[in-house]
Amino acid sequence: MPGWARFRTPVRDLWLCGSSTHPGGGIMGANGRIAALELLRSKGRRL
């Protein structure tokens, strides 16, 4: 959906992660890691 970039949704603290999010499906888990990093970034934290 337009405006739902970087794993965010309009619902507070609801983030998307899964095979339909960037970078797609597979067993590598990259989309979950990227979503977690975006969540931390939105809270002002860094790894």
Protein backbone atom coordinates (compact mmCIF):
# COMPACT_ATOMS: atom_id res chain seq x y z
CA MET A 1 0.00 0.00 0.00
CA PRO A 2 1.27 3.48 -0.75
CA GLY A 3 2.55 5.12 2.41
CA TRP A 4 3.25 1.82 4.17
CA ALA A 5 6.93 1.84 3.32
CA ARG A 6 9.74 0.52 5.48
CA PHE A 7 7.52 -2.11 7.17
CA ARG A 8 5.29 0.46 8.93
CA THR A 9 1.50 0.48 9.00
CA PRO A 10 -0.94 3.21 10.03
CA VAL A 11 -1.69 1.20 13.18
CA ARG A 12 0.51 2.26 16.09
CA ASP A 13 3.26 -0.29 16.84
CA LEU A 14 2.09 -2.70 14.12
CA TRP A 15 4.92 -3.62 11.78
CA LEU A 16 4.83 -5.92 8.75
CA CYS A 17 7.24 -8.76 8.21
CA GLY A 18 6.90 -11.77 5.99
CA SER A 19 7.27 -13.16 2.51
CA SER A 20 5.28 -10.31 0.97
CA THR A 21 7.60 -7.63 2.36
CA HIS A 22 10.99 -6.57 1.01
CA PRO A 23 13.20 -8.47 0.07
CA GLY A 24 10.67 -11.26 -0.43
CA GLY A 25 10.24 -14.83 0.64
CA GLY A 26 12.79 -17.47 1.38
CA ILE A 27 14.36 -18.98 4.43
CA MET A 28 17.03 -16.35 4.97
CA GLY A 29 15.03 -14.19 7.42
CA ALA A 30 16.33 -10.94 5.96
CA ASN A 31 12.93 -9.22 5.94
CA GLY A 32 12.50 -9.91 9.67
CA ARG A 33 15.92 -8.52 10.44
CA ILE A 34 15.32 -5.40 8.36
CA ALA A 35 11.91 -4.87 10.00
CA ALA A 36 13.51 -5.20 13.46
CA LEU A 37 16.20 -2.68 12.54
CA GLU A 38 13.54 -0.24 11.28
CA LEU A 39 11.60 -0.64 14.52
CA LEU A 40 14.72 0.10 16.58
CA ARG A 41 15.51 3.07 14.36
CA SER A 42 12.01 4.46 14.85
CA LYS A 43 12.50 4.24 18.64
CA GLY A 44 15.80 6.13 18.40
CA ARG A 45 18.04 3.15 19.06
CA ARG A 46 21.00 1.87 17.09
CA LEU A 47 22.76 -1.48 16.89
